[in-house]
Amino acid sequence: MASTSYTHVGNYTAAWASVYDLYFPPEIWNEWYERYGKGFKILDWMNTVGRTGKIADRTFYHFEDGTDQRVITVGATTIPVGAAGGISTFNLDAADYDTNGNGPLRTNFTILIPPAYLTDTDTGVAPTRPRLFVVTGKTGDDAAATYDVYPIDDAIQITLAVPAGTELMIGPSMYAPGTGQPDGMTTGTYKRTHKTQIVKESAGFEGGQVGKRNYREFVDNAGNPRIFDRETIAMEFRFDRQIDSALFIGEPNENTGTLTQTSHFGGTPVRQGTKGLWAWQDELAQAKNYVGNFDMDDFDDIKPLLQSQGVVDMQTLFLYGSDLGLDVENSVLDGLREWSGGTDLTKGEKFEVNFKSVKKNGIVFHCKEAVSFANPNSFGNSSYDFSEYGMIIPIGDVSVTNMKGEKKSVPNLSVAYYNNKGEDRTRIMGTVAGLNGMGYQITNEYDGSKVYMLSEFALFAANVNQHVQVKSA
């Protein structure tokens, strides 16, 4: 009778473990981080503060209300020199109007003109304060409209034309008794579109190699047996870098006629890409361009930018590349040296410049260098300028309208994973095995096994107009 004593299915039936299931001693983490990229990434921040969620579709939207308090921008028809107490006619910049031709300025409201453009004919000199002009009429529609204004004080005269591009405040309305009501205020609603991206990573083990490697068995928190290997951990580090890169610099696929792939299940679907944070900011964020080195005075410029977009929460995250980070550190060092004599820089016998936040002009900046900007093998390469760039993000929730028309308070940034009706595509990790001694089901004739990873996600970004994008000029 034939013997079966040497026949077996395999030694192990445990799945390969995710790095997020494991608790390694520091020396193991240090070794792997040194090789695969220790550092603070945008993805790390999202995970650390719990800014993750789930979505039910590959394309989704939210709606943001435009602000109902705006300045006007003088258009090509400047506010010309006029007579004392007399009429001036001008137009607004086309960018002041929304897609339906609605602008911020209504008749019977006032605008505030700075004193530098005015003369008080009673005194013969410029007035000591900005002065109000009433909008008495409007001719035409949309960006072609012109507005008539008169000074409230008949002694006030425009003696220097208010140039194109000047931003002016809208003041209160001014009516006579028995008159009608103003037109309703139009505020724009902005539709923001988000799309998911699919990223993948792989690792392979030729037959017999697992038996030579160092691996560890353990039971995870759910009671399931797991094993890990150096290569699966390295694979996850590569995988995380892909996700972080998409969150930072990703672009949705607009070249859909060409960037397609043949599906194993038929058809040629388009490659899916999400819009990264830098792309959102490049389109919508406030700009802070610094000249030379970023110093303490540059911090003072951030508050007006935030206030112009209605930001009231003065806690911000300041992420930056290595060169900008050195400027920030040196500017703090200069401040300490000037105001404290450098006494805060020594600890025992060690000189140390170590800070986590800066409070300047009422804004708290939580400062952190991000490898998303700094890695010399990616965005920190000298071919790009990201090491000199940064971003300032208010820390807080914002109010948006979802696709159902419901008002929701949500984090202004989060990673949204595709997870709906029992299919969770947050972080899929599986084994496809050929002939193997690990106990896995044999699916092909090849001597070995492979571990695959997939994630489908989108960057959810709301009210990006409240962010500040920092660049070297």
Protein backbone atom coordinates (compact mmCIF):
# COMPACT_ATOMS: atom_id res chain seq x y z
CA MET A 1 0.00 0.00 0.00
CA ALA A 2 1.32 3.43 -0.89
CA SER A 3 2.45 5.55 2.03
CA THR A 4 0.83 8.96 2.64
CA SER A 5 3.00 9.97 5.59
CA TYR A 6 4.91 12.56 3.53
CA THR A 7 1.89 14.10 1.90
CA HIS A 8 0.46 17.27 3.38
CA VAL A 9 -1.32 20.42 2.37
CA GLY A 10 1.11 22.79 4.04
CA ASN A 11 2.37 24.15 7.32
CA TYR A 12 0.59 27.49 7.57
CA THR A 13 -2.85 28.73 6.76
CA ALA A 14 -2.42 32.23 8.21
CA ALA A 15 -2.75 35.32 6.00
CA TRP A 16 0.04 37.79 5.45
CA ALA A 17 -0.22 40.63 7.91
CA SER A 18 -0.63 44.33 7.29
CA VAL A 19 1.94 46.61 8.89
CA TYR A 20 -0.96 48.28 10.71
CA ASP A 21 -1.70 45.00 12.54
CA LEU A 22 1.79 44.76 14.01
CA TYR A 23 3.62 46.15 17.01
CA PHE A 24 7.32 45.87 16.33
CA PRO A 25 10.17 46.75 18.70
CA PRO A 26 11.77 50.15 17.93
CA GLU A 27 14.90 48.68 16.36
CA ILE A 28 12.81 46.99 13.66
CA TRP A 29 10.84 50.15 12.89
CA ASN A 30 14.03 52.22 12.76
CA GLU A 31 15.65 49.85 10.30
CA TRP A 32 12.65 49.76 7.99
CA TYR A 33 11.96 53.49 8.23
CA GLU A 34 15.58 54.22 7.39
CA ARG A 35 15.24 52.15 4.25
CA TYR A 36 11.70 52.93 3.20
CA GLY A 37 11.10 56.52 4.25
CA LYS A 38 10.61 57.66 7.81
CA GLY A 39 8.87 61.00 8.03
CA PHE A 40 5.59 62.82 8.37
CA LYS A 41 3.40 62.56 5.29
CA ILE A 42 0.02 64.05 4.45
CA LEU A 43 -1.39 60.53 4.75
CA ASP A 44 0.12 60.24 8.26
CA TRP A 45 -1.62 63.44 9.33
CA MET A 46 -4.96 62.25 7.96
CA ASN A 47 -4.64 58.95 9.81
CA THR A 48 -3.34 60.51 13.04
CA VAL A 49 -6.24 62.93 13.46
CA GLY A 50 -8.87 60.49 12.21
CA ARG A 51 -9.65 62.36 9.00
CA THR A 52 -10.84 59.30 7.14
CA GLY A 53 -14.27 58.33 5.91
CA LYS A 54 -16.11 56.22 3.38
CA ILE A 55 -17.98 56.97 0.18
CA ALA A 56 -20.57 55.08 -1.82
CA ASP A 57 -19.58 56.04 -5.37
CA ARG A 58 -16.51 56.66 -7.48
CA THR A 59 -17.59 60.20 -8.29
CA PHE A 60 -19.24 62.39 -5.67
CA TYR A 61 -19.87 66.08 -5.06
CA HIS A 62 -20.35 68.67 -2.40
CA PHE A 63 -21.55 72.27 -2.59
CA GLU A 64 -20.05 75.34 -0.94
CA ASP A 65 -21.84 78.64 -0.43
CA GLY A 66 -20.05 81.74 -1.60
CA THR A 67 -19.53 84.48 0.95
CA ASP A 68 -22.19 87.20 1.16
CA GLN A 69 -19.59 89.79 2.20
CA ARG A 70 -17.31 90.75 -0.65
CA VAL A 71 -15.26 93.62 -1.94
CA ILE A 72 -15.65 94.99 -5.44
CA THR A 73 -12.77 95.24 -7.92
CA VAL A 74 -12.57 98.31 -10.15
CA GLY A 75 -12.58 97.24 -13.80
CA ALA A 76 -10.92 98.67 -16.88
CA THR A 77 -13.18 101.72 -16.70
CA THR A 78 -11.50 103.37 -13.73
CA ILE A 79 -13.37 105.62 -11.31
CA PRO A 80 -12.44 108.89 -13.01
CA VAL A 81 -11.69 112.37 -11.72
CA GLY A 82 -14.99 114.17 -11.01
CA ALA A 83 -16.39 117.41 -9.71
CA ALA A 84 -16.99 118.10 -6.03
CA GLY A 85 -20.19 116.30 -5.10
CA GLY A 86 -20.53 115.15 -8.73
CA ILE A 87 -21.12 111.89 -10.55
CA SER A 88 -18.49 109.28 -11.41
CA THR A 89 -19.18 106.26 -13.64
CA PHE A 90 -17.17 103.02 -13.64
CA ASN A 91 -17.42 99.26 -14.12
CA LEU A 92 -16.35 96.17 -12.20
CA ASP A 93 -13.80 93.54 -13.09
CA ALA A 94 -15.35 90.57 -14.93
CA ALA A 95 -14.12 88.20 -12.20
CA ASP A 96 -16.53 89.89 -9.74
CA TYR A 97 -19.48 88.24 -11.54
CA ASP A 98 -20.56 84.62 -11.25
CA THR A 99 -21.47 82.40 -14.21
CA ASN A 100 -25.02 83.78 -14.19
CA GLY A 101 -23.82 87.38 -14.45
CA ASN A 102 -24.62 88.30 -10.85
CA GLY A 103 -22.26 90.74 -9.17
CA PRO A 104 -21.80 91.92 -5.59
CA LEU A 105 -22.70 95.60 -6.01
CA ARG A 106 -26.35 96.73 -5.81
CA THR A 107 -27.86 100.14 -6.40
CA ASN A 108 -28.60 102.27 -3.34
CA PHE A 109 -25.63 100.77 -1.51
CA THR A 110 -22.43 102.65 -0.81
CA ILE A 111 -18.77 102.06 -1.56
CA LEU A 112 -15.86 103.32 0.52
CA ILE A 113 -13.12 105.16 -1.40
CA PRO A 114 -9.69 105.68 0.24
CA PRO A 115 -8.61 109.27 1.00
CA ALA A 116 -5.56 109.05 -1.27
CA TYR A 117 -7.85 109.49 -4.31
CA LEU A 118 -9.91 112.33 -2.80
CA THR A 119 -9.76 116.03 -2.00
CA ASP A 120 -11.94 117.84 0.53
CA THR A 121 -12.64 121.09 -1.31
CA ASP A 122 -13.51 122.83 1.97
CA THR A 123 -9.94 122.33 3.21
CA GLY A 124 -8.09 121.86 -0.06
CA VAL A 125 -6.38 118.66 1.16
CA ALA A 126 -7.17 114.95 1.25
CA PRO A 127 -9.75 113.93 3.86
CA THR A 128 -8.50 112.18 6.97
CA ARG A 129 -10.63 109.07 6.45
CA PRO A 130 -12.15 107.01 3.60
CA ARG A 131 -15.42 108.49 2.35
CA LEU A 132 -18.72 106.93 1.27
CA PHE A 133 -20.16 107.21 -2.26
CA VAL A 134 -23.75 106.11 -3.05
CA VAL A 135 -24.48 103.92 -6.09
CA THR A 136 -27.44 105.72 -7.63
CA GLY A 137 -27.76 103.88 -10.91
CA LYS A 138 -26.70 100.91 -13.01
CA THR A 139 -26.70 100.71 -16.81
CA GLY A 140 -26.42 97.37 -18.64
CA ASP A 141 -26.08 93.82 -17.41
CA ASP A 142 -23.40 91.34 -16.43
CA ALA A 143 -19.76 92.37 -16.75
CA ALA A 144 -20.70 95.14 -19.22
CA ALA A 145 -22.67 97.05 -16.57
CA THR A 146 -21.61 100.52 -15.46
CA TYR A 147 -22.38 102.13 -12.11
CA ASP A 148 -23.03 105.77 -11.21
CA VAL A 149 -21.80 106.98 -7.82
CA TYR A 150 -22.00 110.28 -5.94
CA PRO A 151 -20.14 111.30 -2.77
CA ILE A 152 -22.35 111.74 0.29
CA ASP A 153 -20.42 114.91 1.19
CA ASP A 154 -20.80 117.53 -1.54
CA ALA A 155 -17.33 118.88 -0.72
CA ILE A 156 -15.62 115.59 -1.60
CA GLN A 157 -14.08 115.33 -5.05
CA ILE A 158 -12.23 112.47 -6.79
CA THR A 159 -9.01 114.19 -7.89
CA LEU A 160 -6.99 111.06 -8.69
CA ALA A 161 -8.62 108.33 -10.76
CA VAL A 162 -9.12 105.09 -8.80
CA PRO A 163 -7.12 102.60 -10.90
CA ALA A 164 -8.27 99.28 -12.33
CA GLY A 165 -7.77 96.37 -9.93
CA THR A 166 -8.38 98.44 -6.80
CA GLU A 167 -10.51 96.57 -4.26
CA LEU A 168 -13.13 98.64 -2.46
CA MET A 169 -15.41 97.82 0.46
CA ILE A 170 -19.19 97.80 0.06
CA GLY A 171 -20.85 99.88 2.78
CA PRO A 172 -24.45 100.21 4.01
CA SER A 173 -27.44 101.04 1.86
CA MET A 174 -28.88 104.57 1.97
CA TYR A 175 -32.59 105.22 1.24
CA ALA A 176 -35.13 108.06 1.43
CA PRO A 177 -38.49 107.63 3.19
CA GLY A 178 -41.26 105.97 1.21
CA THR A 179 -38.95 104.18 -1.22
CA GLY A 180 -38.79 100.54 -2.30
CA GLN A 181 -36.57 97.65 -1.32
CA PRO A 182 -33.17 96.61 -2.74
CA ASP A 183 -32.70 93.63 -4.99
CA GLY A 184 -32.00 90.36 -3.20
CA MET A 185 -28.40 89.49 -2.49
CA THR A 186 -27.03 86.76 -4.75
CA THR A 187 -24.41 84.45 -3.32
CA GLY A 188 -22.77 81.87 -5.55
CA THR A 189 -22.91 78.15 -4.84
CA TYR A 190 -19.88 76.20 -5.96
CA LYS A 191 -20.03 72.55 -6.95
CA ARG A 192 -16.86 70.62 -6.09
CA THR A 193 -16.30 67.27 -7.79
CA HIS A 194 -14.28 64.43 -6.29
CA LYS A 195 -13.19 61.21 -7.99
CA THR A 196 -11.53 58.10 -6.63
CA GLN A 197 -8.14 56.73 -7.57
CA ILE A 198 -7.07 53.07 -7.60
CA VAL A 199 -3.48 52.31 -6.56
CA LYS A 200 -1.89 48.86 -6.37
CA GLU A 201 1.28 47.21 -5.10
CA SER A 202 2.67 43.65 -5.21
CA ALA A 203 5.23 41.35 -3.60
CA GLY A 204 6.29 37.87 -4.72
CA PHE A 205 7.90 34.84 -3.06
CA GLU A 206 9.54 32.14 -5.12
CA GLY A 207 9.00 28.66 -3.77
CA GLY A 208 11.39 27.81 -0.95
CA GLN A 209 12.30 31.40 -0.16
CA VAL A 210 9.83 31.83 2.70
CA GLY A 211 11.48 28.89 4.43
CA LYS A 212 14.78 30.81 4.44
CA ARG A 213 13.41 34.11 5.69
CA ASN A 214 12.72 35.49 9.11
CA TYR A 215 9.01 35.78 9.74
CA ARG A 216 6.83 35.84 12.79
CA GLU A 217 3.49 34.32 13.68
CA PHE A 218 1.01 36.17 15.87
CA VAL A 219 -2.70 36.55 16.52
CA ASP A 220 -4.24 39.92 15.77
CA ASN A 221 -6.83 41.76 17.88
CA ALA A 222 -9.64 39.93 16.12
CA GLY A 223 -8.16 36.53 17.04
CA ASN A 224 -7.04 35.72 13.49
CA PRO A 225 -3.63 34.08 12.88
CA ARG A 226 -1.21 36.23 10.90
CA ILE A 227 2.37 36.04 9.66
CA PHE A 228 4.63 38.83 8.43
CA ASP A 229 7.73 39.08 6.30
CA ARG A 230 10.14 41.92 5.56
CA GLU A 231 9.02 42.10 1.94
CA THR A 232 5.33 42.50 2.77
CA ILE A 233 6.20 45.38 5.11
CA ALA A 234 8.39 46.98 2.43
CA MET A 235 5.48 46.58 0.02
CA GLU A 236 3.19 48.50 2.39
CA PHE A 237 5.68 51.33 2.73
CA ARG A 238 5.77 51.60 -1.06
CA PHE A 239 1.97 51.41 -1.10
CA ASP A 240 1.61 54.23 1.45
CA ARG A 241 3.99 56.40 -0.56
CA GLN A 242 1.75 55.94 -3.59
CA ILE A 243 -1.34 56.99 -1.64
CA ASP A 244 0.47 59.98 -0.14
CA SER A 245 1.71 61.06 -3.57
CA ALA A 246 -1.84 60.94 -4.96
CA LEU A 247 -3.20 62.91 -1.98
CA PHE A 248 -0.54 65.54 -2.52
CA ILE A 249 -0.09 65.98 -6.27
CA GLY A 250 -2.77 63.76 -7.87
CA GLU A 251 -4.84 64.79 -10.89
CA PRO A 252 -8.17 63.46 -12.15
CA ASN A 253 -7.99 61.82 -15.56
CA GLU A 254 -9.00 64.40 -18.17
CA ASN A 255 -7.38 62.48 -21.07
CA THR A 256 -10.11 59.87 -21.05
CA GLY A 257 -9.90 59.13 -24.77
CA THR A 258 -6.34 57.84 -24.41
CA LEU A 259 -5.68 56.89 -20.79
CA THR A 260 -7.74 53.71 -20.71
CA GLN A 261 -6.92 50.09 -19.95
CA THR A 262 -8.36 46.80 -21.11
CA SER A 263 -10.36 45.22 -18.31
CA HIS A 264 -10.03 41.50 -17.63
CA PHE A 265 -13.81 41.49 -17.47
CA GLY A 266 -14.31 43.29 -20.78
CA GLY A 267 -14.33 46.86 -21.99
CA THR A 268 -11.73 49.64 -21.75
CA PRO A 269 -12.48 51.72 -18.63
CA VAL A 270 -10.52 54.90 -17.98
CA ARG A 271 -7.71 55.07 -15.46
CA GLN A 272 -9.00 56.66 -12.26
CA GLY A 273 -7.25 59.56 -10.56
CA THR A 274 -8.10 61.81 -7.61
CA LYS A 275 -7.39 65.53 -7.36
CA GLY A 276 -4.53 66.13 -4.94
CA LEU A 277 -4.26 68.84 -2.33
CA TRP A 278 -1.63 70.87 -4.19
CA ALA A 279 -3.85 70.95 -7.30
CA TRP A 280 -6.85 72.08 -5.23
CA GLN A 281 -4.77 74.81 -3.61
CA ASP A 282 -3.24 75.92 -6.88
CA GLU A 283 -6.78 76.54 -8.13
CA LEU A 284 -8.50 77.97 -5.04
CA ALA A 285 -6.16 78.79 -2.15
CA GLN A 286 -4.89 82.20 -1.07
CA ALA A 287 -1.32 82.84 -2.22
CA LYS A 288 1.59 83.85 -0.02
CA ASN A 289 4.77 84.45 -2.01
CA TYR A 290 7.86 85.19 0.02
CA VAL A 291 11.04 86.79 -1.28
CA GLY A 292 14.43 85.53 -0.17
CA ASN A 293 13.99 83.79 3.17
CA PHE A 294 10.70 83.27 4.98
CA ASP A 295 11.00 85.27 8.22
CA MET A 296 8.86 86.37 11.15
CA ASP A 297 7.37 89.28 9.18
CA ASP A 298 5.98 86.80 6.65
CA PHE A 299 3.93 85.18 9.42
CA ASP A 300 2.14 88.52 9.82
CA ASP A 301 0.80 88.34 6.26
CA ILE A 302 -1.22 85.18 6.89
CA LYS A 303 -3.95 86.58 9.15
CA PRO A 304 -5.42 89.00 6.56
CA LEU A 305 -5.47 86.17 3.99
CA LEU A 306 -7.41 83.94 6.39
CA GLN A 307 -9.76 86.71 7.46
CA SER A 308 -10.53 87.60 3.85
CA GLN A 309 -12.07 84.12 3.51
CA GLY A 310 -14.09 84.21 6.71
CA VAL A 311 -11.76 82.03 8.79
CA VAL A 312 -12.42 82.52 12.49
CA ASP A 313 -10.54 79.48 13.84
CA MET A 314 -6.99 80.69 14.36
CA GLN A 315 -5.43 77.22 14.77
CA THR A 316 -3.57 76.19 11.61
CA LEU A 317 -1.31 73.41 10.38
CA PHE A 318 1.81 74.69 8.58
CA LEU A 319 3.32 71.92 6.44
CA TYR A 320 6.49 72.74 4.52
CA GLY A 321 9.47 71.40 2.63
CA SER A 322 12.98 71.20 4.04
CA ASP A 323 14.33 74.52 2.71
CA LEU A 324 11.26 76.48 3.81
CA GLY A 325 11.40 74.62 7.14
CA LEU A 326 14.98 75.78 7.65
CA ASP A 327 13.85 79.37 7.00
CA VAL A 328 11.05 78.99 9.56
CA GLU A 329 13.45 77.55 12.12
CA ASN A 330 16.01 80.31 11.50
CA SER A 331 13.35 83.00 11.78
CA VAL A 332 12.29 81.59 15.16
CA LEU A 333 15.96 81.44 16.16
CA ASP A 334 16.41 85.09 15.20
CA GLY A 335 13.37 86.02 17.29
CA LEU A 336 14.69 84.15 20.31
CA ARG A 337 18.10 85.70 19.89
CA GLU A 338 16.62 89.19 19.66
CA TRP A 339 14.03 88.99 22.43
CA SER A 340 15.43 86.48 24.91
CA GLY A 341 19.15 86.75 24.40
CA GLY A 342 19.25 83.15 23.21
CA THR A 343 18.66 81.81 26.72
CA ASP A 344 16.03 79.37 25.46
CA LEU A 345 18.47 77.61 23.13
CA THR A 346 20.49 75.59 25.59
CA LYS A 347 19.47 72.48 27.42
CA GLY A 348 22.19 71.30 29.73
CA GLU A 349 25.26 71.44 27.52
CA LYS A 350 23.34 70.98 24.28
CA PHE A 351 22.42 73.74 21.84
CA GLU A 352 18.95 73.07 20.50
CA VAL A 353 16.41 74.87 18.33
CA ASN A 354 13.26 72.83 18.91
CA PHE A 355 9.74 74.17 18.57
CA LYS A 356 6.38 72.74 17.54
CA SER A 357 4.32 75.86 17.04
CA VAL A 358 4.54 79.60 16.47
CA LYS A 359 1.94 82.14 17.55
CA LYS A 360 2.20 85.36 15.58
CA ASN A 361 -0.38 88.08 14.93
CA GLY A 362 -3.00 86.02 16.75
CA ILE A 363 -2.54 82.91 14.56
CA VAL A 364 -1.17 79.65 15.94
CA PHE A 365 0.92 77.79 13.37
CA HIS A 366 1.53 74.12 14.19
CA CYS A 367 4.72 73.60 12.22
CA LYS A 368 5.72 70.30 10.65
CA GLU A 369 8.14 69.37 7.90
CA ALA A 370 6.45 66.98 5.47
CA VAL A 371 8.36 64.38 3.49
CA SER A 372 5.65 64.86 0.88
CA PHE A 373 7.65 68.02 0.03
CA ALA A 374 11.16 67.10 1.05
CA ASN A 375 12.23 63.61 -0.09
CA PRO A 376 15.14 64.11 -2.56
CA ASN A 377 13.98 61.00 -4.42
CA SER A 378 10.58 62.57 -5.10
CA PHE A 379 9.24 66.11 -4.64
CA GLY A 380 12.37 67.32 -2.86
CA ASN A 381 14.44 66.68 -5.97
CA SER A 382 16.33 69.71 -7.26
CA SER A 383 14.36 69.59 -10.52
CA TYR A 384 11.37 70.91 -8.58
CA ASP A 385 10.82 73.70 -6.04
CA PHE A 386 8.70 71.85 -3.49
CA SER A 387 11.42 72.01 -0.82
CA GLU A 388 10.78 75.79 -0.78
CA TYR A 389 6.98 75.44 -0.71
CA GLY A 390 4.44 74.97 2.03
CA MET A 391 0.75 75.07 2.88
CA ILE A 392 -1.17 76.58 5.78
CA ILE A 393 -4.44 74.79 6.54
CA PRO A 394 -7.02 75.93 9.13
CA ILE A 395 -7.72 73.15 11.61
CA GLY A 396 -11.45 72.75 11.97
CA ASP A 397 -14.71 71.67 10.42
CA VAL A 398 -16.59 73.49 7.67
CA SER A 399 -20.24 73.56 6.61
CA VAL A 400 -21.07 72.06 3.20
CA THR A 401 -24.12 70.73 1.38
CA ASN A 402 -24.02 67.09 0.30
CA MET A 403 -25.52 65.47 -2.80
CA LYS A 404 -28.86 65.01 -0.97
CA GLY A 405 -29.12 68.72 -0.24
CA GLU A 406 -28.33 68.27 3.46
CA LYS A 407 -26.17 70.73 5.35
CA LYS A 408 -23.31 68.94 7.08
CA SER A 409 -20.39 69.94 9.28
CA VAL A 410 -17.35 68.00 8.08
CA PRO A 411 -13.53 68.16 8.32
CA ASN A 412 -12.13 70.42 5.63
CA LEU A 413 -9.77 67.61 4.54
CA SER A 414 -10.09 63.83 4.71
CA VAL A 415 -9.31 60.62 2.87
CA ALA A 416 -12.53 59.04 1.62
CA TYR A 417 -12.34 55.31 0.88
CA TYR A 418 -14.74 53.51 -1.43
CA ASN A 419 -16.75 51.29 0.91
CA ASN A 420 -20.36 50.45 0.10
CA LYS A 421 -22.85 47.57 0.23
CA GLY A 422 -20.42 45.10 1.71
CA GLU A 423 -17.45 45.91 -0.54
CA ASP A 424 -14.70 47.62 1.43
CA ARG A 425 -11.89 48.84 -0.84
CA THR A 426 -10.05 50.76 1.87
CA ARG A 427 -7.03 48.47 2.01
CA ILE A 428 -7.39 45.11 0.29
CA MET A 429 -4.54 42.65 0.89
CA GLY A 430 -4.63 39.11 -0.50
CA THR A 431 -2.53 36.14 -1.55
CA VAL A 432 -2.57 34.45 -4.93
CA ALA A 433 -0.62 31.19 -4.69
CA GLY A 434 0.68 28.56 -7.05
CA LEU A 435 2.31 25.37 -5.80
CA ASN A 436 3.22 26.27 -2.24
CA GLY A 437 4.02 24.74 1.12
CA MET A 438 2.22 27.44 3.06
CA GLY A 439 -1.22 25.89 3.03
CA TYR A 440 -2.77 28.34 0.57
CA GLN A 441 -5.20 27.15 -2.06
CA ILE A 442 -3.30 26.35 -5.25
CA THR A 443 -4.55 28.49 -8.13
CA ASN A 444 -1.84 28.01 -10.78
CA GLU A 445 1.08 25.74 -11.69
CA TYR A 446 3.90 28.10 -10.67
CA ASP A 447 6.15 27.37 -7.71
CA GLY A 448 5.60 30.35 -5.42
CA SER A 449 3.06 32.88 -4.17
CA LYS A 450 2.28 36.56 -4.54
CA VAL A 451 0.80 39.15 -2.21
CA TYR A 452 -1.29 41.93 -3.78
CA MET A 453 -2.57 45.21 -2.36
CA LEU A 454 -5.22 47.62 -3.65
CA SER A 455 -6.87 50.76 -2.35
CA GLU A 456 -9.55 52.96 -3.89
CA PHE A 457 -9.86 56.40 -2.34
CA ALA A 458 -10.40 60.09 -2.99
CA LEU A 459 -9.09 63.22 -1.34
CA PHE A 460 -12.07 65.12 0.03
CA ALA A 461 -11.20 68.83 0.17
CA ALA A 462 -13.70 71.53 1.18
CA ASN A 463 -13.35 75.32 1.45
CA VAL A 464 -9.84 75.22 0.02
CA ASN A 465 -10.18 78.97 -0.56
CA GLN A 466 -9.43 79.22 3.18
CA HIS A 467 -6.02 77.58 2.76
CA VAL A 468 -2.83 79.53 2.11
CA GLN A 469 -0.35 78.17 -0.42
CA VAL A 470 3.20 79.32 0.34
CA LYS A 471 5.75 79.65 -2.47
CA SER A 472 9.12 81.28 -2.93
CA ALA A 473 8.84 84.18 -5.35
